[in-house]
Amino acid sequence: MKYLRHTSGYSRAQITRLIAHWHANRLATVPLTKRYRAPAALFARKYTPLDIELLAQMDKANEDVCGPAIAHLLQRAYRVYGDTRYERLAGISVSHLYNLRKSAGYRALRVTFTKTHPACNSIGTRKAPRPDGGLVLYASTPSTKAIWTASRGCITSPALTR
């Protein structure tokens, strides 16, 4: 049995079931295989594409606020204002709301792409000379900030030169 488990990849319980099935009808023409299939009927969807569209409209109207706020707004739309379109969405959990936001139907309605805008950060800026006669260049990038004094040739921290 250990050999069969190793070579077939089946679990111990599956091997036991297959051996019992083989013992029951040894002369059968049906090969010993797993007869597990996907269910004929898939799980029923609770939220329809119309519900996802309503969620996308609600997010757009409220500028994509957080999940708990949208869940509360969906409840108010149904319970306070009596809009029957929000009946299924009124009882949605926040975690499932985030699952719907990740769905392909929602992303087709709400995802927008914007080009990146270049940042106008000057890397080296020439400043007025210091009283001691040295030229000061401020080098600032998003990750580093340093001051270089031309007469001394050293890099110091901006906090030390203030």
C-alpha atoms as a PDB file:
ATOM      1  CA  MET A   1       0.000   0.000   0.000  1.00  0.00           C
ATOM      2  CA  LYS A   2       2.907   2.336   0.718  1.00  0.00           C
ATOM      3  CA  TYR A   3       4.241   1.705  -2.786  1.00  0.00           C
ATOM      4  CA  LEU A   4       0.845   2.537  -4.326  1.00  0.00           C
ATOM      5  CA  ARG A   5       0.622   5.744  -2.317  1.00  0.00           C
ATOM      6  CA  HIS A   6       4.059   6.808  -3.461  1.00  0.00           C
ATOM      7  CA  THR A   7       3.663   5.980  -7.156  1.00  0.00           C
ATOM      8  CA  SER A   8       0.038   7.093  -7.638  1.00  0.00           C
ATOM      9  CA  GLY A   9      -0.020  10.217  -5.511  1.00  0.00           C
ATOM     10  CA  TYR A  10      -3.314   9.175  -3.921  1.00  0.00           C
ATOM     11  CA  SER A  11      -3.859   9.486  -0.183  1.00  0.00           C
ATOM     12  CA  ARG A  12      -4.056   6.486   2.151  1.00  0.00           C
ATOM     13  CA  ALA A  13      -7.841   6.760   2.355  1.00  0.00           C
ATOM     14  CA  GLN A  14      -8.199   6.908  -1.426  1.00  0.00           C
ATOM     15  CA  ILE A  15      -5.945   3.852  -1.895  1.00  0.00           C
ATOM     16  CA  THR A  16      -7.981   1.942   0.712  1.00  0.00           C
ATOM     17  CA  ARG A  17     -11.226   2.842  -1.083  1.00  0.00           C
ATOM     18  CA  LEU A  18      -9.849   1.800  -4.464  1.00  0.00           C
ATOM     19  CA  ILE A  19      -8.578  -1.532  -3.105  1.00  0.00           C
ATOM     20  CA  ALA A  20     -11.970  -2.214  -1.473  1.00  0.00           C
ATOM     21  CA  HIS A  21     -13.670  -1.368  -4.778  1.00  0.00           C
ATOM     22  CA  TRP A  22     -11.315  -3.695  -6.647  1.00  0.00           C
ATOM     23  CA  HIS A  23     -11.984  -6.531  -4.194  1.00  0.00           C
ATOM     24  CA  ALA A  24     -15.738  -6.065  -4.610  1.00  0.00           C
ATOM     25  CA  ASN A  25     -15.628  -6.593  -8.377  1.00  0.00           C
ATOM     26  CA  ARG A  26     -12.281  -7.970  -9.509  1.00  0.00           C
ATOM     27  CA  LEU A  27     -13.469  -8.958 -12.943  1.00  0.00           C
ATOM     28  CA  ALA A  28     -15.037  -5.604 -13.798  1.00  0.00           C
ATOM     29  CA  THR A  29     -13.892  -3.853 -16.958  1.00  0.00           C
ATOM     30  CA  VAL A  30     -13.928  -0.431 -15.291  1.00  0.00           C
ATOM     31  CA  PRO A  31     -10.402   0.671 -14.405  1.00  0.00           C
ATOM     32  CA  LEU A  32      -9.542   1.617 -10.847  1.00  0.00           C
ATOM     33  CA  THR A  33      -9.595   5.417 -10.913  1.00  0.00           C
ATOM     34  CA  LYS A  34     -10.966   8.181  -8.815  1.00  0.00           C
ATOM     35  CA  ARG A  35     -14.421   9.106  -9.993  1.00  0.00           C
ATOM     36  CA  TYR A  36     -14.489  12.582  -8.523  1.00  0.00           C
ATOM     37  CA  ARG A  37     -15.760  15.300 -10.797  1.00  0.00           C
ATOM     38  CA  ALA A  38     -16.609  18.939 -10.533  1.00  0.00           C
ATOM     39  CA  PRO A  39     -20.208  19.492  -9.427  1.00  0.00           C
ATOM     40  CA  ALA A  40     -22.691  19.703 -12.265  1.00  0.00           C
ATOM     41  CA  ALA A  41     -24.243  22.851 -10.823  1.00  0.00           C
ATOM     42  CA  LEU A  42     -21.866  25.534  -9.575  1.00  0.00           C
ATOM     43  CA  PHE A  43     -22.437  27.411  -6.352  1.00  0.00           C
ATOM     44  CA  ALA A  44     -25.235  29.933  -6.649  1.00  0.00           C
ATOM     45  CA  ARG A  45     -24.060  33.537  -6.840  1.00  0.00           C
ATOM     46  CA  LYS A  46     -25.547  35.750  -4.172  1.00  0.00           C
ATOM     47  CA  TYR A  47     -24.541  39.038  -5.790  1.00  0.00           C
ATOM     48  CA  THR A  48     -25.460  39.632  -9.423  1.00  0.00           C
ATOM     49  CA  PRO A  49     -23.609  41.784 -11.971  1.00  0.00           C
ATOM     50  CA  LEU A  50     -26.299  44.423 -11.307  1.00  0.00           C
ATOM     51  CA  ASP A  51     -25.263  44.457  -7.628  1.00  0.00           C
ATOM     52  CA  ILE A  52     -21.626  44.924  -8.607  1.00  0.00           C
ATOM     53  CA  GLU A  53     -22.651  47.795 -10.875  1.00  0.00           C
ATOM     54  CA  LEU A  54     -24.591  49.411  -8.005  1.00  0.00           C
ATOM     55  CA  LEU A  55     -21.554  49.030  -5.756  1.00  0.00           C
ATOM     56  CA  ALA A  56     -19.368  50.688  -8.399  1.00  0.00           C
ATOM     57  CA  GLN A  57     -21.844  53.569  -8.677  1.00  0.00           C
ATOM     58  CA  MET A  58     -21.915  53.977  -4.896  1.00  0.00           C
ATOM     59  CA  ASP A  59     -18.119  53.999  -4.751  1.00  0.00           C
ATOM     60  CA  LYS A  60     -17.941  56.555  -7.539  1.00  0.00           C
ATOM     61  CA  ALA A  61     -20.521  58.810  -5.897  1.00  0.00           C
ATOM     62  CA  ASN A  62     -18.703  58.702  -2.550  1.00  0.00           C
ATOM     63  CA  GLU A  63     -15.150  58.918  -3.936  1.00  0.00           C
ATOM     64  CA  ASP A  64     -14.001  55.427  -2.926  1.00  0.00           C
ATOM     65  CA  VAL A  65     -14.297  55.693   0.839  1.00  0.00           C
ATOM     66  CA  CYS A  66     -13.339  52.752   3.053  1.00  0.00           C
ATOM     67  CA  GLY A  67     -15.280  49.493   3.159  1.00  0.00           C
ATOM     68  CA  PRO A  68     -17.157  50.015   6.466  1.00  0.00           C
ATOM     69  CA  ALA A  69     -18.409  53.414   5.289  1.00  0.00           C
ATOM     70  CA  ILE A  70     -19.688  51.991   1.984  1.00  0.00           C
ATOM     71  CA  ALA A  71     -21.338  49.070   3.795  1.00  0.00           C
ATOM     72  CA  HIS A  72     -23.132  51.568   6.050  1.00  0.00           C
ATOM     73  CA  LEU A  73     -24.204  53.658   3.035  1.00  0.00           C
ATOM     74  CA  LEU A  74     -25.563  50.552   1.310  1.00  0.00           C
ATOM     75  CA  GLN A  75     -27.582  49.709   4.434  1.00  0.00           C
ATOM     76  CA  ARG A  76     -28.948  53.267   4.599  1.00  0.00           C
ATOM     77  CA  ALA A  77     -29.880  53.236   0.919  1.00  0.00           C
ATOM     78  CA  TYR A  78     -32.102  50.223   1.535  1.00  0.00           C
ATOM     79  CA  ARG A  79     -33.369  50.690   5.112  1.00  0.00           C
ATOM     80  CA  VAL A  80     -33.734  54.460   5.398  1.00  0.00           C
ATOM     81  CA  TYR A  81     -34.438  55.496   1.814  1.00  0.00           C
ATOM     82  CA  GLY A  82     -36.230  52.285   0.786  1.00  0.00           C
ATOM     83  CA  ASP A  83     -34.351  51.742  -2.475  1.00  0.00           C
ATOM     84  CA  THR A  84     -35.103  48.096  -3.255  1.00  0.00           C
ATOM     85  CA  ARG A  85     -32.164  47.824  -5.663  1.00  0.00           C
ATOM     86  CA  TYR A  86     -29.870  47.698  -2.615  1.00  0.00           C
ATOM     87  CA  GLU A  87     -31.732  44.864  -0.862  1.00  0.00           C
ATOM     88  CA  ARG A  88     -28.999  42.234  -1.367  1.00  0.00           C
ATOM     89  CA  LEU A  89     -26.157  44.683  -0.825  1.00  0.00           C
ATOM     90  CA  ALA A  90     -27.634  45.958   2.459  1.00  0.00           C
ATOM     91  CA  GLY A  91     -26.496  42.826   4.287  1.00  0.00           C
ATOM     92  CA  ILE A  92     -23.030  42.565   2.767  1.00  0.00           C
ATOM     93  CA  SER A  93     -20.050  42.122   5.075  1.00  0.00           C
ATOM     94  CA  VAL A  94     -17.083  44.431   4.720  1.00  0.00           C
ATOM     95  CA  SER A  95     -14.748  41.568   3.825  1.00  0.00           C
ATOM     96  CA  HIS A  96     -17.067  40.371   1.060  1.00  0.00           C
ATOM     97  CA  LEU A  97     -17.386  43.953  -0.168  1.00  0.00           C
ATOM     98  CA  TYR A  98     -13.612  43.979  -0.678  1.00  0.00           C
ATOM     99  CA  ASN A  99     -13.920  40.634  -2.522  1.00  0.00           C
ATOM    100  CA  LEU A 100     -16.468  42.195  -4.882  1.00  0.00           C
ATOM    101  CA  ARG A 101     -14.145  45.147  -5.427  1.00  0.00           C
ATOM    102  CA  LYS A 102     -11.466  42.685  -6.578  1.00  0.00           C
ATOM    103  CA  SER A 103     -13.816  41.001  -9.063  1.00  0.00           C
ATOM    104  CA  ALA A 104     -13.295  41.400 -12.803  1.00  0.00           C
ATOM    105  CA  GLY A 105     -16.722  43.002 -13.291  1.00  0.00           C
ATOM    106  CA  TYR A 106     -16.036  45.707 -10.718  1.00  0.00           C
ATOM    107  CA  ARG A 107     -12.537  46.412 -12.008  1.00  0.00           C
ATOM    108  CA  ALA A 108     -13.905  46.789 -15.540  1.00  0.00           C
ATOM    109  CA  LEU A 109     -16.219  49.526 -14.262  1.00  0.00           C
ATOM    110  CA  ARG A 110     -13.999  51.373 -11.783  1.00  0.00           C
ATOM    111  CA  VAL A 111     -10.290  51.003 -12.453  1.00  0.00           C
ATOM    112  CA  THR A 112      -8.718  54.036 -14.076  1.00  0.00           C
ATOM    113  CA  PHE A 113      -5.173  54.387 -15.269  1.00  0.00           C
ATOM    114  CA  THR A 114      -3.295  57.656 -15.004  1.00  0.00           C
ATOM    115  CA  LYS A 115       0.105  58.445 -16.382  1.00  0.00           C
ATOM    116  CA  THR A 116       2.819  59.285 -13.919  1.00  0.00           C
ATOM    117  CA  HIS A 117       3.665  62.959 -13.727  1.00  0.00           C
ATOM    118  CA  PRO A 118       7.329  63.892 -13.656  1.00  0.00           C
ATOM    119  CA  ALA A 119       8.552  65.445 -10.436  1.00  0.00           C
ATOM    120  CA  CYS A 120      10.414  68.714 -10.835  1.00  0.00           C
ATOM    121  CA  ASN A 121      12.998  68.190  -8.115  1.00  0.00           C
ATOM    122  CA  SER A 122      16.303  69.836  -8.760  1.00  0.00           C
ATOM    123  CA  ILE A 123      19.206  67.579  -7.909  1.00  0.00           C
ATOM    124  CA  GLY A 124      21.895  70.254  -7.482  1.00  0.00           C
ATOM    125  CA  THR A 125      20.927  73.857  -6.717  1.00  0.00           C
ATOM    126  CA  ARG A 126      23.440  76.690  -6.656  1.00  0.00           C
ATOM    127  CA  LYS A 127      23.034  78.987  -3.661  1.00  0.00           C
ATOM    128  CA  ALA A 128      24.599  82.222  -2.502  1.00  0.00           C
ATOM    129  CA  PRO A 129      28.126  81.927  -1.052  1.00  0.00           C
ATOM    130  CA  ARG A 130      28.617  81.475   2.663  1.00  0.00           C
ATOM    131  CA  PRO A 131      30.187  84.207   4.776  1.00  0.00           C
ATOM    132  CA  ASP A 132      33.387  82.154   5.097  1.00  0.00           C
ATOM    133  CA  GLY A 133      33.848  82.233   1.310  1.00  0.00           C
ATOM    134  CA  GLY A 134      32.769  78.709   0.366  1.00  0.00           C
ATOM    135  CA  LEU A 135      30.347  77.845  -2.411  1.00  0.00           C
ATOM    136  CA  VAL A 136      27.372  75.818  -1.186  1.00  0.00           C
ATOM    137  CA  LEU A 137      25.603  73.279  -3.372  1.00  0.00           C
ATOM    138  CA  TYR A 138      22.472  71.649  -1.987  1.00  0.00           C
ATOM    139  CA  ALA A 139      22.008  68.150  -3.335  1.00  0.00           C
ATOM    140  CA  SER A 140      18.562  66.829  -2.626  1.00  0.00           C
ATOM    141  CA  THR A 141      17.044  63.709  -4.044  1.00  0.00           C
ATOM    142  CA  PRO A 142      14.037  61.824  -2.680  1.00  0.00           C
ATOM    143  CA  SER A 143      16.289  59.467  -0.738  1.00  0.00           C
ATOM    144  CA  THR A 144      19.199  61.702   0.329  1.00  0.00           C
ATOM    145  CA  LYS A 145      19.745  65.232   1.501  1.00  0.00           C
ATOM    146  CA  ALA A 146      23.275  66.536   1.848  1.00  0.00           C
ATOM    147  CA  ILE A 147      25.157  69.814   1.700  1.00  0.00           C
ATOM    148  CA  TRP A 148      28.501  70.036  -0.024  1.00  0.00           C
ATOM    149  CA  THR A 149      30.812  72.922   0.709  1.00  0.00           C
ATOM    150  CA  ALA A 150      33.181  73.617  -2.203  1.00  0.00           C
ATOM    151  CA  SER A 151      35.995  75.165  -0.208  1.00  0.00           C
ATOM    152  CA  ARG A 152      36.125  72.329   2.327  1.00  0.00           C
ATOM    153  CA  GLY A 153      35.138  69.451   0.019  1.00  0.00           C
ATOM    154  CA  CYS A 154      33.082  67.709   2.683  1.00  0.00           C
ATOM    155  CA  ILE A 155      29.511  66.488   3.005  1.00  0.00           C
ATOM    156  CA  THR A 156      27.659  67.406   6.149  1.00  0.00           C
ATOM    157  CA  SER A 157      24.180  66.807   7.435  1.00  0.00           C
ATOM    158  CA  PRO A 158      21.664  69.637   6.965  1.00  0.00           C
ATOM    159  CA  ALA A 159      20.823  69.471  10.663  1.00  0.00           C
ATOM    160  CA  LEU A 160      24.437  70.277  11.581  1.00  0.00           C
ATOM    161  CA  THR A 161      24.677  73.363   9.371  1.00  0.00           C
ATOM    162  CA  ARG A 162      21.578  75.141  10.627  1.00  0.00           C
END
